[in-house]
Protein backbone atom coordinates (compact mmCIF):
# COMPACT_ATOMS: atom_id res chain seq x y z
CA MET A 1 -29.23 -24.76 14.78
CA ASN A 2 -26.86 -21.78 14.44
CA TYR A 3 -24.04 -24.10 13.35
CA LEU A 4 -26.19 -25.45 10.55
CA LEU A 5 -27.12 -21.92 9.44
CA VAL A 6 -23.46 -20.85 9.40
CA PHE A 7 -22.58 -24.02 7.49
CA ILE A 8 -25.24 -23.43 4.84
CA GLY A 9 -24.48 -19.71 4.51
CA GLY A 10 -20.73 -20.33 4.39
CA GLY A 11 -21.21 -22.84 1.60
CA LEU A 12 -23.31 -20.43 -0.40
CA GLY A 13 -20.85 -17.60 0.15
CA SER A 14 -17.95 -19.80 -0.90
CA LEU A 15 -19.77 -20.84 -4.08
CA LEU A 16 -20.39 -17.18 -4.92
CA ARG A 17 -16.71 -16.36 -4.34
CA PHE A 18 -15.64 -19.31 -6.48
CA GLY A 19 -17.97 -18.22 -9.31
CA ILE A 20 -16.65 -14.66 -9.33
CA GLY A 21 -13.08 -15.97 -9.33
CA LYS A 22 -13.82 -18.01 -12.47
CA ILE A 23 -14.89 -14.98 -14.51
CA SER A 24 -11.86 -14.67 -16.74
CA LEU A 25 -12.73 -11.10 -17.76
CA LEU A 26 -11.68 -10.00 -14.29
CA LYS A 27 -7.98 -10.53 -14.97
CA LEU A 28 -6.79 -6.97 -15.58
CA LEU A 29 -3.13 -5.96 -15.68
CA ASN A 30 -2.18 -8.47 -12.98
CA PHE A 31 -4.43 -6.60 -10.50
CA PRO A 32 -6.44 -9.02 -8.31
CA LEU A 33 -9.77 -7.61 -9.51
CA ALA A 34 -11.89 -10.68 -8.74
CA SER A 35 -10.86 -10.64 -5.06
CA PHE A 36 -11.25 -6.88 -4.92
CA ILE A 37 -14.79 -7.05 -6.33
CA THR A 38 -15.67 -10.00 -4.06
CA ASN A 39 -14.43 -8.20 -0.94
CA ILE A 40 -16.31 -4.99 -1.82
CA ILE A 41 -19.55 -6.88 -2.51
CA ALA A 42 -19.10 -8.79 0.75
CA CYS A 43 -18.61 -5.53 2.66
CA LEU A 44 -21.68 -3.98 1.03
CA LEU A 45 -23.73 -7.10 1.80
CA PHE A 46 -22.50 -7.14 5.38
CA GLY A 47 -23.51 -3.51 5.86
CA LEU A 48 -26.91 -4.09 4.26
CA PHE A 49 -27.58 -7.25 6.28
CA PHE A 50 -26.46 -5.51 9.48
CA MET A 51 -28.77 -2.57 8.81
CA LEU A 52 -31.72 -4.90 8.14
CA LEU A 53 -31.02 -6.87 11.31
CA GLN A 54 -31.08 -3.62 13.31
CA LYS A 55 -34.46 -2.70 11.83
CA TYR A 56 -35.96 -6.20 12.05
CA PRO A 57 -34.28 -7.88 15.06
CA LYS A 58 -37.03 -10.47 15.62
CA HIS A 59 -35.39 -13.12 13.44
CA ASP A 60 -32.40 -14.47 15.40
CA TRP A 61 -31.58 -17.05 12.74
CA ILE A 62 -30.72 -14.44 10.09
CA SER A 63 -27.44 -13.22 11.60
CA PRO A 64 -25.67 -16.60 11.62
CA LEU A 65 -26.89 -17.33 8.11
CA LEU A 66 -26.16 -13.98 6.47
CA LEU A 67 -23.40 -12.21 8.42
CA VAL A 68 -21.31 -15.11 9.64
CA GLY A 69 -22.18 -17.64 6.95
CA ILE A 70 -22.66 -15.92 3.60
CA CYS A 71 -20.46 -12.86 4.21
CA GLY A 72 -17.79 -14.94 5.97
CA GLY A 73 -17.73 -17.51 3.20
CA PHE A 74 -17.90 -14.90 0.48
CA SER A 75 -15.19 -12.49 1.61
CA THR A 76 -11.69 -13.39 0.65
CA PHE A 77 -9.35 -11.73 3.08
CA SER A 78 -6.98 -14.67 3.11
CA THR A 79 -6.86 -14.62 -0.68
CA PHE A 80 -6.45 -10.85 -0.55
CA SER A 81 -3.45 -11.25 1.72
CA TYR A 82 -1.91 -13.97 -0.44
CA GLU A 83 -2.33 -11.92 -3.61
CA ASN A 84 -0.65 -8.96 -1.93
CA VAL A 85 2.31 -11.13 -0.94
CA VAL A 86 2.60 -12.28 -4.56
CA LEU A 87 2.49 -8.68 -5.79
CA MET A 88 5.23 -7.84 -3.27
CA GLN A 89 7.34 -10.81 -4.36
CA GLN A 90 6.95 -9.71 -7.98
CA GLY A 91 8.12 -6.23 -7.08
CA GLN A 92 4.80 -4.67 -8.12
CA PHE A 93 4.66 -2.28 -5.17
CA GLY A 94 2.39 0.20 -6.92
CA LEU A 95 -0.27 -2.44 -7.52
CA LEU A 96 0.23 -3.74 -3.98
CA LEU A 97 -0.35 -0.31 -2.48
CA LEU A 98 -3.28 0.36 -4.81
CA ASN A 99 -4.93 -2.94 -3.88
CA VAL A 100 -4.49 -2.47 -0.11
CA VAL A 101 -5.64 1.17 -0.06
CA LEU A 102 -8.61 0.67 -2.41
CA SER A 103 -9.77 -2.54 -0.72
CA VAL A 104 -9.64 -1.09 2.78
CA ALA A 105 -11.06 2.32 1.88
CA VAL A 106 -13.89 1.12 -0.36
CA GLY A 107 -14.65 -1.83 1.93
CA PHE A 108 -14.82 0.49 4.93
CA PHE A 109 -17.10 2.85 3.03
CA GLY A 110 -19.30 -0.05 1.91
CA VAL A 111 -19.92 -1.12 5.50
CA TYR A 112 -20.21 2.46 6.78
CA LEU A 113 -22.71 3.38 4.08
CA PHE A 114 -25.33 1.11 5.62
CA ILE A 115 -24.31 1.10 9.29
CA SER A 116 -24.39 4.90 9.45
CA LYS A 117 -28.10 4.70 8.70
CA VAL A 118 -28.77 2.74 11.95
């Protein structure tokens, strides 16, 4: 049953990521804004889902669906890594550093914001 829940959640998360990536307004100065926003939202969702699972642990099916499935399918770390390699190859080291530092710091804070409440 857990495999099915991860499968469904992963599909939903991937569709969300795909939709955000198609928003053409998120192309700003060659900065990978769509992936940045997606990763931050995924981190916030992960923290929120984790907090809720700590408060309401009776539903064992929720973790595979939400944390592994939706958040796993929604976050784009592989895309994040690829985009940073491209920035490096283009010699845009300032944007590369900005993307890495902001993504890690804000993502960390997004998860910490909810987990610190547990």
